[in-house]
């Protein structure tokens, strides 16, 4: 017998609205945002209950919490969510660039028999990157190109604004390069990141190059930015919706 999954939304901004609009097979029963007006607004679209107090939100009758807020929100609330007996979907995976925090959350999830799921976000190929955990990947390079406005910059020509490791990149651009940390976690390899700002592009472009014993691979994704928030890709929201839709599927494609 099919059971509707009951979720709580932590973060009621752009991605939260997309989840509410296109959800399938899930019921949004609780909403929380540090800006309570956002939760009130989104509640009118999905009939969920908005909460102003986080503890009350967490006590709602739901199966899991979907985080669509920020790196700061993950670091503030993840432990409490897992200890309460709820599974969690984390969109702002940049929080896990902090190795100590990642290890603590992993231990808590094991201790309380909970799952933390990370959607593929704004890129493709994370399933394939996981071979690095076993077969070994020698190098992973993420080259991202965005319009300067999505990065809060005013530039007239293409400019490289960051070159370094994923952990350093997410600290410099916490709202823009979660994909670099997702790639690092999937592959088990510290990802090299090159970030460009180009006023000539109208899409977020992610180019992934992987090299290892398996051979080599190149993936290029040109994301359409969300119309309400150019720093967020539409694909990122779709990846959460796809994960939610397939949570109870008996046959799983990919790893």
C-alpha atoms as a PDB file:
ATOM      1  CA  UNK A   1       0.000   0.000   0.000  1.00  0.00           C
ATOM      2  CA  UNK A   2       1.412   3.379  -1.029  1.00  0.00           C
ATOM      3  CA  UNK A   3       2.101   5.840   1.816  1.00  0.00           C
ATOM      4  CA  UNK A   4       2.482   9.548   1.223  1.00  0.00           C
ATOM      5  CA  UNK A   5       5.816  10.816   2.581  1.00  0.00           C
ATOM      6  CA  UNK A   6       5.350  13.681   5.023  1.00  0.00           C
ATOM      7  CA  UNK A   7       8.113  16.276   4.975  1.00  0.00           C
ATOM      8  CA  UNK A   8       9.080  19.441   6.774  1.00  0.00           C
ATOM      9  CA  UNK A   9      10.712  22.265   4.820  1.00  0.00           C
ATOM     10  CA  UNK A  10      13.620  24.019   6.499  1.00  0.00           C
ATOM     11  CA  UNK A  11      13.988  27.113   4.330  1.00  0.00           C
ATOM     12  CA  UNK A  12      11.111  28.677   2.431  1.00  0.00           C
ATOM     13  CA  UNK A  13      12.908  30.678  -0.227  1.00  0.00           C
ATOM     14  CA  UNK A  14      13.252  30.025  -3.938  1.00  0.00           C
ATOM     15  CA  UNK A  15      14.024  26.295  -3.791  1.00  0.00           C
ATOM     16  CA  UNK A  16      11.347  25.784  -1.153  1.00  0.00           C
ATOM     17  CA  UNK A  17       8.787  27.336  -3.492  1.00  0.00           C
ATOM     18  CA  UNK A  18       9.889  25.100  -6.377  1.00  0.00           C
ATOM     19  CA  UNK A  19       9.600  22.004  -4.170  1.00  0.00           C
ATOM     20  CA  UNK A  20       6.118  23.047  -3.082  1.00  0.00           C
ATOM     21  CA  UNK A  21       5.028  23.790  -6.639  1.00  0.00           C
ATOM     22  CA  UNK A  22       6.284  20.625  -8.326  1.00  0.00           C
ATOM     23  CA  UNK A  23       6.148  18.074  -5.471  1.00  0.00           C
ATOM     24  CA  UNK A  24       4.895  14.606  -6.315  1.00  0.00           C
ATOM     25  CA  UNK A  25       4.187  11.842  -3.838  1.00  0.00           C
ATOM     26  CA  UNK A  26       5.027  13.985  -0.820  1.00  0.00           C
ATOM     27  CA  UNK A  27       3.019  16.105   1.581  1.00  0.00           C
ATOM     28  CA  UNK A  28       4.547  19.241   3.082  1.00  0.00           C
ATOM     29  CA  UNK A  29       3.177  19.295   6.622  1.00  0.00           C
ATOM     30  CA  UNK A  30       5.520  21.764   8.334  1.00  0.00           C
ATOM     31  CA  UNK A  31       7.498  24.833   7.303  1.00  0.00           C
ATOM     32  CA  UNK A  32      10.203  26.819   9.057  1.00  0.00           C
ATOM     33  CA  UNK A  33      12.278  29.797   7.985  1.00  0.00           C
ATOM     34  CA  UNK A  34      14.276  32.231  10.067  1.00  0.00           C
ATOM     35  CA  UNK A  35      12.197  34.864   8.254  1.00  0.00           C
ATOM     36  CA  UNK A  36       8.773  33.712   9.416  1.00  0.00           C
ATOM     37  CA  UNK A  37       7.006  35.721   6.714  1.00  0.00           C
ATOM     38  CA  UNK A  38       8.462  33.339   4.121  1.00  0.00           C
ATOM     39  CA  UNK A  39       7.010  30.324   5.902  1.00  0.00           C
ATOM     40  CA  UNK A  40       3.628  32.049   6.140  1.00  0.00           C
ATOM     41  CA  UNK A  41       3.694  32.847   2.431  1.00  0.00           C
ATOM     42  CA  UNK A  42       4.682  29.339   1.323  1.00  0.00           C
ATOM     43  CA  UNK A  43       2.098  27.745   3.619  1.00  0.00           C
ATOM     44  CA  UNK A  44      -0.651  29.254   1.468  1.00  0.00           C
ATOM     45  CA  UNK A  45       0.675  27.282  -1.519  1.00  0.00           C
ATOM     46  CA  UNK A  46       1.013  23.842   0.080  1.00  0.00           C
ATOM     47  CA  UNK A  47      -1.358  23.853   3.073  1.00  0.00           C
ATOM     48  CA  UNK A  48       1.488  23.039   5.438  1.00  0.00           C
ATOM     49  CA  UNK A  49       1.688  24.575   8.885  1.00  0.00           C
ATOM     50  CA  UNK A  50       4.220  27.405   9.351  1.00  0.00           C
ATOM     51  CA  UNK A  51       6.172  27.395  12.601  1.00  0.00           C
ATOM     52  CA  UNK A  52       7.941  30.289  14.254  1.00  0.00           C
ATOM     53  CA  UNK A  53       9.634  28.084  16.847  1.00  0.00           C
ATOM     54  CA  UNK A  54      12.098  25.485  15.522  1.00  0.00           C
ATOM     55  CA  UNK A  55      11.471  22.992  18.338  1.00  0.00           C
ATOM     56  CA  UNK A  56       7.754  23.012  17.571  1.00  0.00           C
ATOM     57  CA  UNK A  57       8.524  22.562  13.868  1.00  0.00           C
ATOM     58  CA  UNK A  58      10.699  19.549  14.651  1.00  0.00           C
ATOM     59  CA  UNK A  59       7.957  17.955  16.752  1.00  0.00           C
ATOM     60  CA  UNK A  60       5.545  17.984  13.809  1.00  0.00           C
ATOM     61  CA  UNK A  61       4.325  14.607  12.506  1.00  0.00           C
ATOM     62  CA  UNK A  62       6.731  14.192   9.568  1.00  0.00           C
ATOM     63  CA  UNK A  63       9.095  11.580   8.163  1.00  0.00           C
ATOM     64  CA  UNK A  64      12.030  13.763   7.217  1.00  0.00           C
ATOM     65  CA  UNK A  65      13.302  17.321   6.984  1.00  0.00           C
ATOM     66  CA  UNK A  66      14.301  18.858   3.658  1.00  0.00           C
ATOM     67  CA  UNK A  67      16.887  21.602   4.107  1.00  0.00           C
ATOM     68  CA  UNK A  68      16.713  24.317   1.462  1.00  0.00           C
ATOM     69  CA  UNK A  69      18.083  27.192   3.488  1.00  0.00           C
ATOM     70  CA  UNK A  70      21.829  27.737   3.870  1.00  0.00           C
ATOM     71  CA  UNK A  71      25.134  26.290   5.026  1.00  0.00           C
ATOM     72  CA  UNK A  72      24.593  28.087   8.327  1.00  0.00           C
ATOM     73  CA  UNK A  73      21.202  26.405   8.787  1.00  0.00           C
ATOM     74  CA  UNK A  74      22.706  22.939   8.249  1.00  0.00           C
ATOM     75  CA  UNK A  75      25.424  23.578  10.818  1.00  0.00           C
ATOM     76  CA  UNK A  76      22.911  24.962  13.295  1.00  0.00           C
ATOM     77  CA  UNK A  77      20.108  22.406  12.999  1.00  0.00           C
ATOM     78  CA  UNK A  78      21.392  19.118  11.494  1.00  0.00           C
ATOM     79  CA  UNK A  79      22.394  17.499  14.781  1.00  0.00           C
ATOM     80  CA  UNK A  80      19.085  18.392  16.420  1.00  0.00           C
ATOM     81  CA  UNK A  81      17.121  16.998  13.468  1.00  0.00           C
ATOM     82  CA  UNK A  82      18.896  13.630  13.548  1.00  0.00           C
ATOM     83  CA  UNK A  83      18.712  13.280  17.327  1.00  0.00           C
ATOM     84  CA  UNK A  84      14.955  13.909  17.117  1.00  0.00           C
ATOM     85  CA  UNK A  85      14.618  10.763  15.003  1.00  0.00           C
ATOM     86  CA  UNK A  86      14.132  12.436  11.618  1.00  0.00           C
ATOM     87  CA  UNK A  87      16.026  11.708   8.402  1.00  0.00           C
ATOM     88  CA  UNK A  88      17.344  14.701   6.485  1.00  0.00           C
ATOM     89  CA  UNK A  89      17.929  15.855   2.921  1.00  0.00           C
ATOM     90  CA  UNK A  90      20.710  18.435   2.717  1.00  0.00           C
ATOM     91  CA  UNK A  91      20.839  20.873  -0.179  1.00  0.00           C
ATOM     92  CA  UNK A  92      23.516  23.173   1.293  1.00  0.00           C
ATOM     93  CA  UNK A  93      26.149  20.450   1.243  1.00  0.00           C
ATOM     94  CA  UNK A  94      28.872  23.080   1.578  1.00  0.00           C
ATOM     95  CA  UNK A  95      28.437  22.675   5.339  1.00  0.00           C
ATOM     96  CA  UNK A  96      30.260  19.364   5.039  1.00  0.00           C
ATOM     97  CA  UNK A  97      33.448  21.056   3.827  1.00  0.00           C
ATOM     98  CA  UNK A  98      34.111  21.333   7.565  1.00  0.00           C
ATOM     99  CA  UNK A  99      35.566  17.872   8.157  1.00  0.00           C
ATOM    100  CA  UNK A 100      35.011  17.962  11.907  1.00  0.00           C
ATOM    101  CA  UNK A 101      31.341  18.852  11.425  1.00  0.00           C
ATOM    102  CA  UNK A 102      30.930  16.179   8.742  1.00  0.00           C
ATOM    103  CA  UNK A 103      32.421  13.496  11.006  1.00  0.00           C
ATOM    104  CA  UNK A 104      30.194  14.501  13.919  1.00  0.00           C
ATOM    105  CA  UNK A 105      27.018  14.431  11.818  1.00  0.00           C
ATOM    106  CA  UNK A 106      27.992  11.054  10.374  1.00  0.00           C
ATOM    107  CA  UNK A 107      28.519   9.608  13.863  1.00  0.00           C
ATOM    108  CA  UNK A 108      25.197  11.006  15.090  1.00  0.00           C
ATOM    109  CA  UNK A 109      23.360   9.577  12.061  1.00  0.00           C
ATOM    110  CA  UNK A 110      24.857   6.141  12.763  1.00  0.00           C
ATOM    111  CA  UNK A 111      24.092   6.343  16.485  1.00  0.00           C
ATOM    112  CA  UNK A 112      20.446   7.284  15.906  1.00  0.00           C
ATOM    113  CA  UNK A 113      19.932   5.039  12.839  1.00  0.00           C
ATOM    114  CA  UNK A 114      19.167   8.017  10.605  1.00  0.00           C
ATOM    115  CA  UNK A 115      19.992   8.874   6.993  1.00  0.00           C
ATOM    116  CA  UNK A 116      21.376  12.121   5.577  1.00  0.00           C
ATOM    117  CA  UNK A 117      20.748  12.266   1.850  1.00  0.00           C
ATOM    118  CA  UNK A 118      22.489  14.670  -0.514  1.00  0.00           C
ATOM    119  CA  UNK A 119      20.884  15.286  -3.922  1.00  0.00           C
ATOM    120  CA  UNK A 120      23.018  15.758  -7.018  1.00  0.00           C
ATOM    121  CA  UNK A 121      22.205  19.464  -7.065  1.00  0.00           C
ATOM    122  CA  UNK A 122      23.318  21.567 -10.003  1.00  0.00           C
ATOM    123  CA  UNK A 123      25.482  18.892 -11.681  1.00  0.00           C
ATOM    124  CA  UNK A 124      25.235  15.391 -13.094  1.00  0.00           C
ATOM    125  CA  UNK A 125      27.527  12.399 -12.743  1.00  0.00           C
ATOM    126  CA  UNK A 126      27.817  12.083  -8.942  1.00  0.00           C
ATOM    127  CA  UNK A 127      26.909   8.393  -9.144  1.00  0.00           C
ATOM    128  CA  UNK A 128      29.847   7.815 -11.476  1.00  0.00           C
ATOM    129  CA  UNK A 129      32.182   9.890  -9.307  1.00  0.00           C
ATOM    130  CA  UNK A 130      31.598   7.392  -6.476  1.00  0.00           C
ATOM    131  CA  UNK A 131      33.898   4.893  -8.197  1.00  0.00           C
ATOM    132  CA  UNK A 132      36.695   7.007  -6.769  1.00  0.00           C
ATOM    133  CA  UNK A 133      35.894   5.572  -3.342  1.00  0.00           C
ATOM    134  CA  UNK A 134      36.939   2.124  -4.575  1.00  0.00           C
ATOM    135  CA  UNK A 135      38.760   2.255  -7.918  1.00  0.00           C
ATOM    136  CA  UNK A 136      40.550   5.502  -7.228  1.00  0.00           C
ATOM    137  CA  UNK A 137      40.363   8.824  -9.050  1.00  0.00           C
ATOM    138  CA  UNK A 138      43.598  10.707  -9.568  1.00  0.00           C
ATOM    139  CA  UNK A 139      42.113  14.101 -10.246  1.00  0.00           C
ATOM    140  CA  UNK A 140      38.759  15.877 -10.259  1.00  0.00           C
ATOM    141  CA  UNK A 141      38.475  19.374 -11.694  1.00  0.00           C
ATOM    142  CA  UNK A 142      35.355  21.521 -11.509  1.00  0.00           C
ATOM    143  CA  UNK A 143      35.387  24.567 -13.772  1.00  0.00           C
ATOM    144  CA  UNK A 144      32.359  26.780 -13.139  1.00  0.00           C
ATOM    145  CA  UNK A 145      31.375  29.865 -15.109  1.00  0.00           C
ATOM    146  CA  UNK A 146      28.616  32.210 -13.942  1.00  0.00           C
ATOM    147  CA  UNK A 147      27.303  35.627 -14.760  1.00  0.00           C
ATOM    148  CA  UNK A 148      28.972  38.141 -12.403  1.00  0.00           C
ATOM    149  CA  UNK A 149      25.594  39.351 -11.113  1.00  0.00           C
ATOM    150  CA  UNK A 150      24.855  35.926  -9.596  1.00  0.00           C
ATOM    151  CA  UNK A 151      28.088  36.321  -7.626  1.00  0.00           C
ATOM    152  CA  UNK A 152      27.355  39.893  -6.591  1.00  0.00           C
ATOM    153  CA  UNK A 153      30.015  41.299  -8.922  1.00  0.00           C
ATOM    154  CA  UNK A 154      30.125  43.941 -11.647  1.00  0.00           C
ATOM    155  CA  UNK A 155      32.564  42.925 -14.397  1.00  0.00           C
ATOM    156  CA  UNK A 156      32.875  43.772 -18.089  1.00  0.00           C
ATOM    157  CA  UNK A 157      34.958  40.777 -19.199  1.00  0.00           C
ATOM    158  CA  UNK A 158      35.490  37.133 -18.321  1.00  0.00           C
ATOM    159  CA  UNK A 159      37.571  36.902 -15.146  1.00  0.00           C
ATOM    160  CA  UNK A 160      38.873  34.012 -13.068  1.00  0.00           C
ATOM    161  CA  UNK A 161      37.882  34.882  -9.496  1.00  0.00           C
ATOM    162  CA  UNK A 162      38.920  31.712  -7.696  1.00  0.00           C
ATOM    163  CA  UNK A 163      41.424  28.908  -8.204  1.00  0.00           C
ATOM    164  CA  UNK A 164      41.963  26.359  -5.439  1.00  0.00           C
ATOM    165  CA  UNK A 165      40.402  23.571  -3.408  1.00  0.00           C
ATOM    166  CA  UNK A 166      36.678  22.950  -2.916  1.00  0.00           C
ATOM    167  CA  UNK A 167      36.749  23.621   0.817  1.00  0.00           C
ATOM    168  CA  UNK A 168      38.295  27.042   0.350  1.00  0.00           C
ATOM    169  CA  UNK A 169      35.912  27.850  -2.491  1.00  0.00           C
ATOM    170  CA  UNK A 170      32.757  27.129  -0.522  1.00  0.00           C
ATOM    171  CA  UNK A 171      33.986  29.332   2.309  1.00  0.00           C
ATOM    172  CA  UNK A 172      34.482  32.196  -0.160  1.00  0.00           C
ATOM    173  CA  UNK A 173      31.204  31.578  -2.037  1.00  0.00           C
ATOM    174  CA  UNK A 174      28.892  29.658   0.360  1.00  0.00           C
ATOM    175  CA  UNK A 175      25.753  30.188  -1.750  1.00  0.00           C
ATOM    176  CA  UNK A 176      27.232  29.291  -5.116  1.00  0.00           C
ATOM    177  CA  UNK A 177      29.600  26.313  -5.104  1.00  0.00           C
ATOM    178  CA  UNK A 178      27.904  23.558  -3.107  1.00  0.00           C
ATOM    179  CA  UNK A 179      28.537  21.314  -6.111  1.00  0.00           C
ATOM    180  CA  UNK A 180      32.278  21.351  -5.413  1.00  0.00           C
ATOM    181  CA  UNK A 181      31.735  19.820  -1.974  1.00  0.00           C
ATOM    182  CA  UNK A 182      29.215  17.299  -3.317  1.00  0.00           C
ATOM    183  CA  UNK A 183      31.827  16.159  -5.835  1.00  0.00           C
ATOM    184  CA  UNK A 184      34.445  15.879  -3.101  1.00  0.00           C
ATOM    185  CA  UNK A 185      32.172  13.717  -0.932  1.00  0.00           C
ATOM    186  CA  UNK A 186      31.114  11.530  -3.859  1.00  0.00           C
ATOM    187  CA  UNK A 187      34.591  10.906  -5.267  1.00  0.00           C
ATOM    188  CA  UNK A 188      36.579  10.877  -2.037  1.00  0.00           C
ATOM    189  CA  UNK A 189      39.015  13.227  -3.766  1.00  0.00           C
ATOM    190  CA  UNK A 190      39.634  16.872  -2.869  1.00  0.00           C
ATOM    191  CA  UNK A 191      38.280  18.687  -5.910  1.00  0.00           C
ATOM    192  CA  UNK A 192      40.211  21.395  -7.740  1.00  0.00           C
ATOM    193  CA  UNK A 193      37.971  24.371  -8.511  1.00  0.00           C
ATOM    194  CA  UNK A 194      38.257  27.108 -11.098  1.00  0.00           C
ATOM    195  CA  UNK A 195      35.541  29.761 -10.848  1.00  0.00           C
ATOM    196  CA  UNK A 196      34.999  32.275 -13.645  1.00  0.00           C
ATOM    197  CA  UNK A 197      32.662  35.253 -13.868  1.00  0.00           C
ATOM    198  CA  UNK A 198      31.618  36.051 -17.431  1.00  0.00           C
ATOM    199  CA  UNK A 199      29.097  38.787 -18.305  1.00  0.00           C
ATOM    200  CA  UNK A 200      28.515  37.114 -21.682  1.00  0.00           C
ATOM    201  CA  UNK A 201      26.899  33.981 -20.228  1.00  0.00           C
ATOM    202  CA  UNK A 202      23.265  33.697 -19.206  1.00  0.00           C
ATOM    203  CA  UNK A 203      23.532  30.205 -17.709  1.00  0.00           C
ATOM    204  CA  UNK A 204      25.532  28.589 -14.927  1.00  0.00           C
ATOM    205  CA  UNK A 205      28.089  26.336 -16.622  1.00  0.00           C
ATOM    206  CA  UNK A 206      29.715  23.455 -14.742  1.00  0.00           C
ATOM    207  CA  UNK A 207      32.476  21.438 -16.437  1.00  0.00           C
ATOM    208  CA  UNK A 208      33.720  18.348 -14.610  1.00  0.00           C
ATOM    209  CA  UNK A 209      36.870  16.481 -15.604  1.00  0.00           C
ATOM    210  CA  UNK A 210      37.776  13.206 -13.882  1.00  0.00           C
ATOM    211  CA  UNK A 211      40.892  11.112 -14.444  1.00  0.00           C
ATOM    212  CA  UNK A 212      41.807   7.759 -12.924  1.00  0.00           C
ATOM    213  CA  UNK A 213      42.457   4.068 -13.471  1.00  0.00           C
ATOM    214  CA  UNK A 214      39.030   3.763 -15.093  1.00  0.00           C
ATOM    215  CA  UNK A 215      40.066   6.214 -17.840  1.00  0.00           C
ATOM    216  CA  UNK A 216      38.819   9.772 -18.041  1.00  0.00           C
ATOM    217  CA  UNK A 217      35.493  11.577 -18.235  1.00  0.00           C
ATOM    218  CA  UNK A 218      34.222  15.025 -19.099  1.00  0.00           C
ATOM    219  CA  UNK A 219      30.769  16.331 -18.183  1.00  0.00           C
ATOM    220  CA  UNK A 220      29.428  19.740 -19.136  1.00  0.00           C
ATOM    221  CA  UNK A 221      26.178  21.089 -17.702  1.00  0.00           C
ATOM    222  CA  UNK A 222      24.639  24.410 -18.711  1.00  0.00           C
ATOM    223  CA  UNK A 223      22.042  25.199 -16.070  1.00  0.00           C
ATOM    224  CA  UNK A 224      19.220  27.642 -16.487  1.00  0.00           C
ATOM    225  CA  UNK A 225      19.262  29.891 -13.397  1.00  0.00           C
ATOM    226  CA  UNK A 226      16.117  30.106 -11.362  1.00  0.00           C
ATOM    227  CA  UNK A 227      14.201  33.213 -12.492  1.00  0.00           C
ATOM    228  CA  UNK A 228      13.679  34.349  -8.892  1.00  0.00           C
ATOM    229  CA  UNK A 229      17.267  33.746  -7.755  1.00  0.00           C
ATOM    230  CA  UNK A 230      20.086  33.693 -10.346  1.00  0.00           C
ATOM    231  CA  UNK A 231      22.477  32.167  -7.793  1.00  0.00           C
ATOM    232  CA  UNK A 232      20.349  28.990  -7.797  1.00  0.00           C
ATOM    233  CA  UNK A 233      19.864  26.593 -10.692  1.00  0.00           C
ATOM    234  CA  UNK A 234      16.532  25.048 -11.602  1.00  0.00           C
ATOM    235  CA  UNK A 235      18.302  21.690 -11.877  1.00  0.00           C
ATOM    236  CA  UNK A 236      19.225  21.862  -8.187  1.00  0.00           C
ATOM    237  CA  UNK A 237      15.561  22.037  -7.207  1.00  0.00           C
ATOM    238  CA  UNK A 238      14.686  19.239  -9.627  1.00  0.00           C
ATOM    239  CA  UNK A 239      17.323  17.005  -8.046  1.00  0.00           C
ATOM    240  CA  UNK A 240      15.581  17.278  -4.652  1.00  0.00           C
ATOM    241  CA  UNK A 241      12.186  16.573  -6.212  1.00  0.00           C
ATOM    242  CA  UNK A 242      13.582  13.503  -7.967  1.00  0.00           C
ATOM    243  CA  UNK A 243      15.144  12.223  -4.753  1.00  0.00           C
ATOM    244  CA  UNK A 244      11.860  12.658  -2.879  1.00  0.00           C
ATOM    245  CA  UNK A 245       9.863  10.986  -5.652  1.00  0.00           C
ATOM    246  CA  UNK A 246      12.064   7.880  -5.545  1.00  0.00           C
ATOM    247  CA  UNK A 247      12.560   7.451  -1.797  1.00  0.00           C
ATOM    248  CA  UNK A 248      10.115   4.541  -1.591  1.00  0.00           C
ATOM    249  CA  UNK A 249      10.837   2.993  -4.990  1.00  0.00           C
ATOM    250  CA  UNK A 250      11.583  -0.753  -4.681  1.00  0.00           C
ATOM    251  CA  UNK A 251      13.946  -0.693  -7.683  1.00  0.00           C
ATOM    252  CA  UNK A 252      16.779   1.852  -7.551  1.00  0.00           C
ATOM    253  CA  UNK A 253      18.689   2.938 -10.662  1.00  0.00           C
ATOM    254  CA  UNK A 254      22.279   4.082 -10.028  1.00  0.00           C
ATOM    255  CA  UNK A 255      24.142   4.062  -6.755  1.00  0.00           C
END
